[in-house]
Amino acid sequence: MKAILFDLDGTLHDSEKWYIKACCDCLEKAREKSLTDDEKNYLIGKPIMVILNEWFEGREQEVLELFFKCYEGIQSNIEPYKDVHQMLNILNRYGIRMGIVTSKYKKYVYEEMKSTNLDVFFDVVVTLDDCDYHKPHPAPINMALERLGVQPYDCIYIGDQPTDIQAAHRAGIKSGAALWGEGIFDQLITQKPSYIFEEPQDILDAFLKVEAGRHE
């Protein structure tokens, strides 16, 4: 394995709850009524534009600007999950090339990665602004592979949502289900991920096992 691609929110960054809060605040203001629990659950793992296109036809830009204001008010709360820095440091020492594939806007991705000191680990970052298609479409992963210069068989994509696993399989690469953050086992297992990672350390264990096998 020469490269690892990661989702960002809910996988490396403990940020999904803040994204959902911003979405809820924004959408409730725009609709002038509270969201139901089912509607709140529907927001998880979906880019904001998907929601706006479905719920606010003709008002997308207006509500998007409101979302930006709500999100920027809570953005400073975002932190990486426990042991993520340690995992990335070790992978970096082994010469593994790493990238991010996320459905978040570029501006926020770079701001947040810098504030959490994750920016130094990644050779490639593919954001919502970089690609016309989004997960579960394989195009963002294919773009990251091309920029890294690695073949699909030499890479894995790790994320916390079913769409992450679907995108990996459609791109022809291995998939890893991350369960230490927002990932829910019962939802992810139905997508038949190549690996189940309960903790960041599990990624290291899997990688080191592969490396040991190469040197036997």
C-alpha atoms as a PDB file:
ATOM      1  CA  MET A   1       0.000   0.000   0.000  1.00  0.00           C
ATOM      2  CA  LYS A   2       1.548   3.264  -1.142  1.00  0.00           C
ATOM      3  CA  ALA A   3      -1.193   5.742  -0.316  1.00  0.00           C
ATOM      4  CA  ILE A   4      -4.113   6.342   2.033  1.00  0.00           C
ATOM      5  CA  LEU A   5      -6.971   8.725   1.316  1.00  0.00           C
ATOM      6  CA  PHE A   6      -9.101   9.964   4.202  1.00  0.00           C
ATOM      7  CA  ASP A   7     -12.460  11.600   4.571  1.00  0.00           C
ATOM      8  CA  LEU A   8     -12.165  14.622   6.875  1.00  0.00           C
ATOM      9  CA  ASP A   9     -15.308  15.340   8.912  1.00  0.00           C
ATOM     10  CA  GLY A  10     -16.299  12.527  11.235  1.00  0.00           C
ATOM     11  CA  THR A  11     -13.102  10.642  10.346  1.00  0.00           C
ATOM     12  CA  LEU A  12     -10.128  12.849  11.231  1.00  0.00           C
ATOM     13  CA  HIS A  13     -11.950  15.911  12.542  1.00  0.00           C
ATOM     14  CA  ASP A  14     -14.525  15.723  15.328  1.00  0.00           C
ATOM     15  CA  SER A  15     -16.602  18.224  13.394  1.00  0.00           C
ATOM     16  CA  GLU A  16     -19.763  16.550  12.191  1.00  0.00           C
ATOM     17  CA  LYS A  17     -21.781  17.632  15.217  1.00  0.00           C
ATOM     18  CA  TRP A  18     -20.787  21.251  14.591  1.00  0.00           C
ATOM     19  CA  TYR A  19     -21.679  20.986  10.908  1.00  0.00           C
ATOM     20  CA  ILE A  20     -25.085  19.542  11.833  1.00  0.00           C
ATOM     21  CA  LYS A  21     -25.619  22.311  14.401  1.00  0.00           C
ATOM     22  CA  ALA A  22     -24.863  24.955  11.782  1.00  0.00           C
ATOM     23  CA  CYS A  23     -27.174  23.225   9.310  1.00  0.00           C
ATOM     24  CA  CYS A  24     -29.992  23.027  11.826  1.00  0.00           C
ATOM     25  CA  ASP A  25     -29.623  26.668  12.885  1.00  0.00           C
ATOM     26  CA  CYS A  26     -29.538  27.782   9.269  1.00  0.00           C
ATOM     27  CA  LEU A  27     -32.409  25.635   8.027  1.00  0.00           C
ATOM     28  CA  GLU A  28     -34.660  26.416  10.960  1.00  0.00           C
ATOM     29  CA  LYS A  29     -34.148  30.143  10.432  1.00  0.00           C
ATOM     30  CA  ALA A  30     -34.823  29.792   6.713  1.00  0.00           C
ATOM     31  CA  ARG A  31     -37.955  27.672   7.238  1.00  0.00           C
ATOM     32  CA  GLU A  32     -39.060  29.499  10.388  1.00  0.00           C
ATOM     33  CA  LYS A  33     -39.806  26.215  12.117  1.00  0.00           C
ATOM     34  CA  SER A  34     -37.907  23.473  13.953  1.00  0.00           C
ATOM     35  CA  LEU A  35     -36.527  20.400  12.184  1.00  0.00           C
ATOM     36  CA  THR A  36     -37.864  16.990  13.112  1.00  0.00           C
ATOM     37  CA  ASP A  37     -35.484  14.307  14.396  1.00  0.00           C
ATOM     38  CA  ASP A  38     -35.784  12.479  11.062  1.00  0.00           C
ATOM     39  CA  GLU A  39     -34.835  15.648   9.187  1.00  0.00           C
ATOM     40  CA  LYS A  40     -31.822  16.189  11.446  1.00  0.00           C
ATOM     41  CA  ASN A  41     -30.673  12.609  10.853  1.00  0.00           C
ATOM     42  CA  TYR A  42     -31.094  13.120   7.106  1.00  0.00           C
ATOM     43  CA  LEU A  43     -28.472  15.881   7.199  1.00  0.00           C
ATOM     44  CA  ILE A  44     -25.666  13.576   8.372  1.00  0.00           C
ATOM     45  CA  GLY A  45     -23.010  12.979   5.737  1.00  0.00           C
ATOM     46  CA  LYS A  46     -24.677  15.168   3.091  1.00  0.00           C
ATOM     47  CA  PRO A  47     -23.106  18.280   1.515  1.00  0.00           C
ATOM     48  CA  ILE A  48     -25.053  21.417   2.285  1.00  0.00           C
ATOM     49  CA  MET A  49     -25.853  22.035  -1.407  1.00  0.00           C
ATOM     50  CA  VAL A  50     -27.598  18.678  -1.669  1.00  0.00           C
ATOM     51  CA  ILE A  51     -29.912  19.753   1.133  1.00  0.00           C
ATOM     52  CA  LEU A  52     -30.465  23.225  -0.307  1.00  0.00           C
ATOM     53  CA  ASN A  53     -31.251  21.882  -3.777  1.00  0.00           C
ATOM     54  CA  GLU A  54     -33.814  19.507  -2.278  1.00  0.00           C
ATOM     55  CA  TRP A  55     -35.421  21.814   0.293  1.00  0.00           C
ATOM     56  CA  PHE A  56     -34.977  25.359  -1.025  1.00  0.00           C
ATOM     57  CA  GLU A  57     -35.391  25.363  -4.782  1.00  0.00           C
ATOM     58  CA  GLY A  58     -34.970  28.915  -5.986  1.00  0.00           C
ATOM     59  CA  ARG A  59     -33.534  30.105  -2.654  1.00  0.00           C
ATOM     60  CA  GLU A  60     -30.285  28.134  -2.664  1.00  0.00           C
ATOM     61  CA  GLN A  61     -27.847  31.058  -2.665  1.00  0.00           C
ATOM     62  CA  GLU A  62     -29.794  32.990  -0.039  1.00  0.00           C
ATOM     63  CA  VAL A  63     -29.870  30.048   2.364  1.00  0.00           C
ATOM     64  CA  LEU A  64     -26.264  29.113   1.583  1.00  0.00           C
ATOM     65  CA  GLU A  65     -25.087  32.546   2.736  1.00  0.00           C
ATOM     66  CA  LEU A  66     -27.062  32.037   5.939  1.00  0.00           C
ATOM     67  CA  PHE A  67     -25.387  28.657   6.419  1.00  0.00           C
ATOM     68  CA  PHE A  68     -21.935  30.205   6.017  1.00  0.00           C
ATOM     69  CA  LYS A  69     -22.694  32.693   8.788  1.00  0.00           C
ATOM     70  CA  CYS A  70     -23.985  29.953  11.100  1.00  0.00           C
ATOM     71  CA  TYR A  71     -21.036  27.661  10.379  1.00  0.00           C
ATOM     72  CA  GLU A  72     -18.368  30.307  10.826  1.00  0.00           C
ATOM     73  CA  GLY A  73     -19.784  30.990  14.281  1.00  0.00           C
ATOM     74  CA  ILE A  74     -18.963  27.483  15.505  1.00  0.00           C
ATOM     75  CA  GLN A  75     -15.958  26.598  13.321  1.00  0.00           C
ATOM     76  CA  SER A  76     -13.381  27.251  16.052  1.00  0.00           C
ATOM     77  CA  ASN A  77     -14.760  24.327  18.094  1.00  0.00           C
ATOM     78  CA  ILE A  78     -13.415  21.737  15.655  1.00  0.00           C
ATOM     79  CA  GLU A  79     -10.656  19.410  16.897  1.00  0.00           C
ATOM     80  CA  PRO A  80      -9.053  16.210  15.614  1.00  0.00           C
ATOM     81  CA  TYR A  81     -10.073  12.909  17.154  1.00  0.00           C
ATOM     82  CA  LYS A  82      -7.875  11.340  19.803  1.00  0.00           C
ATOM     83  CA  ASP A  83      -4.796   9.530  18.419  1.00  0.00           C
ATOM     84  CA  VAL A  84      -5.248  10.877  14.876  1.00  0.00           C
ATOM     85  CA  HIS A  85      -2.031  12.930  15.009  1.00  0.00           C
ATOM     86  CA  GLN A  86      -0.077   9.944  16.302  1.00  0.00           C
ATOM     87  CA  MET A  87      -1.419   7.717  13.524  1.00  0.00           C
ATOM     88  CA  LEU A  88      -0.598  10.239  10.800  1.00  0.00           C
ATOM     89  CA  ASN A  89       2.895  10.815  12.185  1.00  0.00           C
ATOM     90  CA  ILE A  90       3.704   7.106  12.058  1.00  0.00           C
ATOM     91  CA  LEU A  91       2.272   6.650   8.572  1.00  0.00           C
ATOM     92  CA  ASN A  92       4.315   9.648   7.448  1.00  0.00           C
ATOM     93  CA  ARG A  93       7.491   8.098   8.880  1.00  0.00           C
ATOM     94  CA  TYR A  94       6.828   4.970   6.829  1.00  0.00           C
ATOM     95  CA  GLY A  95       6.645   7.055   3.685  1.00  0.00           C
ATOM     96  CA  ILE A  96       2.946   6.542   3.067  1.00  0.00           C
ATOM     97  CA  ARG A  97       1.527   9.272   0.856  1.00  0.00           C
ATOM     98  CA  MET A  98      -1.740  10.678   2.138  1.00  0.00           C
ATOM     99  CA  GLY A  99      -4.623  12.710   0.818  1.00  0.00           C
ATOM    100  CA  ILE A 100      -7.999  14.107   1.819  1.00  0.00           C
ATOM    101  CA  VAL A 101     -11.213  13.640  -0.172  1.00  0.00           C
ATOM    102  CA  THR A 102     -14.043  15.648   1.362  1.00  0.00           C
ATOM    103  CA  SER A 103     -17.400  17.152   0.401  1.00  0.00           C
ATOM    104  CA  LYS A 104     -16.652  20.357   2.304  1.00  0.00           C
ATOM    105  CA  TYR A 105     -15.879  23.755   0.782  1.00  0.00           C
ATOM    106  CA  LYS A 106     -12.186  24.382   0.137  1.00  0.00           C
ATOM    107  CA  LYS A 107     -12.011  27.554   2.219  1.00  0.00           C
ATOM    108  CA  TYR A 108     -13.127  25.764   5.373  1.00  0.00           C
ATOM    109  CA  VAL A 109     -11.081  22.644   4.723  1.00  0.00           C
ATOM    110  CA  TYR A 110      -7.785  24.515   4.569  1.00  0.00           C
ATOM    111  CA  GLU A 111      -8.623  26.804   7.484  1.00  0.00           C
ATOM    112  CA  GLU A 112      -9.568  23.874   9.712  1.00  0.00           C
ATOM    113  CA  MET A 113      -6.694  21.609   8.717  1.00  0.00           C
ATOM    114  CA  LYS A 114      -4.267  24.420   9.497  1.00  0.00           C
ATOM    115  CA  SER A 115      -5.882  25.205  12.860  1.00  0.00           C
ATOM    116  CA  THR A 116      -5.742  21.517  13.892  1.00  0.00           C
ATOM    117  CA  ASN A 117      -2.206  21.007  12.513  1.00  0.00           C
ATOM    118  CA  LEU A 118      -3.273  18.319  10.061  1.00  0.00           C
ATOM    119  CA  ASP A 119      -2.231  20.237   6.957  1.00  0.00           C
ATOM    120  CA  VAL A 120       1.406  19.111   7.151  1.00  0.00           C
ATOM    121  CA  PHE A 121       0.566  15.446   6.538  1.00  0.00           C
ATOM    122  CA  PHE A 122      -1.262  15.592   3.222  1.00  0.00           C
ATOM    123  CA  ASP A 123       0.089  15.763  -0.318  1.00  0.00           C
ATOM    124  CA  VAL A 124      -3.336  16.131  -1.935  1.00  0.00           C
ATOM    125  CA  VAL A 125      -6.657  17.639  -0.850  1.00  0.00           C
ATOM    126  CA  VAL A 126      -9.795  17.281  -2.998  1.00  0.00           C
ATOM    127  CA  THR A 127     -12.730  19.419  -1.831  1.00  0.00           C
ATOM    128  CA  LEU A 128     -16.269  20.209  -2.902  1.00  0.00           C
ATOM    129  CA  ASP A 129     -14.945  23.010  -5.121  1.00  0.00           C
ATOM    130  CA  ASP A 130     -12.494  20.807  -7.003  1.00  0.00           C
ATOM    131  CA  CYS A 131     -14.820  18.324  -8.674  1.00  0.00           C
ATOM    132  CA  ASP A 132     -18.166  18.472 -10.465  1.00  0.00           C
ATOM    133  CA  TYR A 133     -19.242  15.174  -8.867  1.00  0.00           C
ATOM    134  CA  HIS A 134     -19.324  14.195  -5.224  1.00  0.00           C
ATOM    135  CA  LYS A 135     -19.341  11.037  -3.137  1.00  0.00           C
ATOM    136  CA  PRO A 136     -20.622   8.386  -3.656  1.00  0.00           C
ATOM    137  CA  HIS A 137     -19.483   9.195  -7.209  1.00  0.00           C
ATOM    138  CA  PRO A 138     -15.876   7.981  -7.655  1.00  0.00           C
ATOM    139  CA  ALA A 139     -14.677  11.146  -9.425  1.00  0.00           C
ATOM    140  CA  PRO A 140     -13.184  12.880  -6.329  1.00  0.00           C
ATOM    141  CA  ILE A 141     -11.232   9.759  -5.393  1.00  0.00           C
ATOM    142  CA  ASN A 142     -10.056   9.314  -8.976  1.00  0.00           C
ATOM    143  CA  MET A 143      -8.875  12.922  -8.972  1.00  0.00           C
ATOM    144  CA  ALA A 144      -6.896  12.344  -5.761  1.00  0.00           C
ATOM    145  CA  LEU A 145      -5.314   9.176  -7.195  1.00  0.00           C
ATOM    146  CA  GLU A 146      -4.266  11.041 -10.327  1.00  0.00           C
ATOM    147  CA  ARG A 147      -2.754  13.891  -8.328  1.00  0.00           C
ATOM    148  CA  LEU A 148      -0.880  11.471  -6.092  1.00  0.00           C
ATOM    149  CA  GLY A 149       0.304   9.456  -9.074  1.00  0.00           C
ATOM    150  CA  VAL A 150      -0.686   6.092  -7.566  1.00  0.00           C
ATOM    151  CA  GLN A 151      -2.664   3.177  -8.966  1.00  0.00           C
ATOM    152  CA  PRO A 152      -6.003   2.099  -7.430  1.00  0.00           C
ATOM    153  CA  TYR A 153      -4.554  -1.198  -6.193  1.00  0.00           C
ATOM    154  CA  ASP A 154      -1.977   0.725  -4.140  1.00  0.00           C
ATOM    155  CA  CYS A 155      -4.505   2.828  -2.224  1.00  0.00           C
ATOM    156  CA  ILE A 156      -7.297   2.704   0.353  1.00  0.00           C
ATOM    157  CA  TYR A 157      -9.980   5.267   1.207  1.00  0.00           C
ATOM    158  CA  ILE A 158     -11.097   5.552   4.842  1.00  0.00           C
ATOM    159  CA  GLY A 159     -14.302   7.263   5.915  1.00  0.00           C
ATOM    160  CA  ASP A 160     -17.188   7.214   8.360  1.00  0.00           C
ATOM    161  CA  GLN A 161     -20.212   7.213   6.024  1.00  0.00           C
ATOM    162  CA  PRO A 162     -21.723   4.628   3.646  1.00  0.00           C
ATOM    163  CA  THR A 163     -21.110   7.060   0.779  1.00  0.00           C
ATOM    164  CA  ASP A 164     -17.373   6.883   1.544  1.00  0.00           C
ATOM    165  CA  ILE A 165     -17.339   3.113   1.174  1.00  0.00           C
ATOM    166  CA  GLN A 166     -19.480   3.292  -1.970  1.00  0.00           C
ATOM    167  CA  ALA A 167     -17.170   5.873  -3.549  1.00  0.00           C
ATOM    168  CA  ALA A 168     -14.089   3.769  -2.798  1.00  0.00           C
ATOM    169  CA  HIS A 169     -15.567   0.652  -4.370  1.00  0.00           C
ATOM    170  CA  ARG A 170     -16.725   2.564  -7.447  1.00  0.00           C
ATOM    171  CA  ALA A 171     -13.190   3.916  -7.824  1.00  0.00           C
ATOM    172  CA  GLY A 172     -11.816   0.381  -7.641  1.00  0.00           C
ATOM    173  CA  ILE A 173      -9.855   0.827  -4.414  1.00  0.00           C
ATOM    174  CA  LYS A 174     -10.025  -0.767  -0.989  1.00  0.00           C
ATOM    175  CA  SER A 175     -12.230   0.825   1.637  1.00  0.00           C
ATOM    176  CA  GLY A 176     -11.925   1.331   5.370  1.00  0.00           C
ATOM    177  CA  ALA A 177     -14.847   2.012   7.707  1.00  0.00           C
ATOM    178  CA  ALA A 178     -13.838   4.384  10.519  1.00  0.00           C
ATOM    179  CA  LEU A 179     -15.868   3.725  13.678  1.00  0.00           C
ATOM    180  CA  TRP A 180     -14.127   5.951  16.244  1.00  0.00           C
ATOM    181  CA  GLY A 181     -16.082   9.059  15.206  1.00  0.00           C
ATOM    182  CA  GLU A 182     -19.410   9.351  13.452  1.00  0.00           C
ATOM    183  CA  GLY A 183     -19.305   5.942  11.773  1.00  0.00           C
ATOM    184  CA  ILE A 184     -22.105   3.514  12.690  1.00  0.00           C
ATOM    185  CA  PHE A 185     -21.229  -0.165  12.305  1.00  0.00           C
ATOM    186  CA  ASP A 186     -24.697  -1.350  11.259  1.00  0.00           C
ATOM    187  CA  GLN A 187     -24.826   1.222   8.457  1.00  0.00           C
ATOM    188  CA  LEU A 188     -21.283   0.712   7.218  1.00  0.00           C
ATOM    189  CA  ILE A 189     -21.169  -3.086   7.294  1.00  0.00           C
ATOM    190  CA  THR A 190     -23.960  -3.277   4.705  1.00  0.00           C
ATOM    191  CA  GLN A 191     -21.535  -1.654   2.218  1.00  0.00           C
ATOM    192  CA  LYS A 192     -19.003  -4.475   2.726  1.00  0.00           C
ATOM    193  CA  PRO A 193     -15.917  -2.353   3.516  1.00  0.00           C
ATOM    194  CA  SER A 194     -12.524  -3.978   2.985  1.00  0.00           C
ATOM    195  CA  TYR A 195     -11.533  -3.136   6.569  1.00  0.00           C
ATOM    196  CA  ILE A 196     -13.243  -2.153   9.805  1.00  0.00           C
ATOM    197  CA  PHE A 197     -11.215   0.258  11.930  1.00  0.00           C
ATOM    198  CA  GLU A 198     -12.523   0.799  15.459  1.00  0.00           C
ATOM    199  CA  GLU A 199      -9.630   3.084  16.449  1.00  0.00           C
ATOM    200  CA  PRO A 200      -6.932   5.007  14.530  1.00  0.00           C
ATOM    201  CA  GLN A 201      -4.410   2.502  15.889  1.00  0.00           C
ATOM    202  CA  ASP A 202      -6.163  -0.229  13.897  1.00  0.00           C
ATOM    203  CA  ILE A 203      -5.019   1.452  10.683  1.00  0.00           C
ATOM    204  CA  LEU A 204      -1.421   1.219  11.847  1.00  0.00           C
ATOM    205  CA  ASP A 205      -1.869  -2.415  12.871  1.00  0.00           C
ATOM    206  CA  ALA A 206      -3.234  -3.303   9.428  1.00  0.00           C
ATOM    207  CA  PHE A 207      -0.484  -1.411   7.635  1.00  0.00           C
ATOM    208  CA  LEU A 208       2.325  -2.858   9.750  1.00  0.00           C
ATOM    209  CA  LYS A 209       0.946  -6.361   9.186  1.00  0.00           C
ATOM    210  CA  VAL A 210       1.119  -5.827   5.421  1.00  0.00           C
ATOM    211  CA  GLU A 211       4.644  -4.441   5.683  1.00  0.00           C
ATOM    212  CA  ALA A 212       5.764  -7.396   7.809  1.00  0.00           C
ATOM    213  CA  GLY A 213       4.367  -9.809   5.210  1.00  0.00           C
ATOM    214  CA  ARG A 214       6.402  -8.131   2.491  1.00  0.00           C
ATOM    215  CA  HIS A 215       9.623  -8.726   4.385  1.00  0.00           C
ATOM    216  CA  GLU A 216       9.051 -12.364   5.377  1.00  0.00           C
END
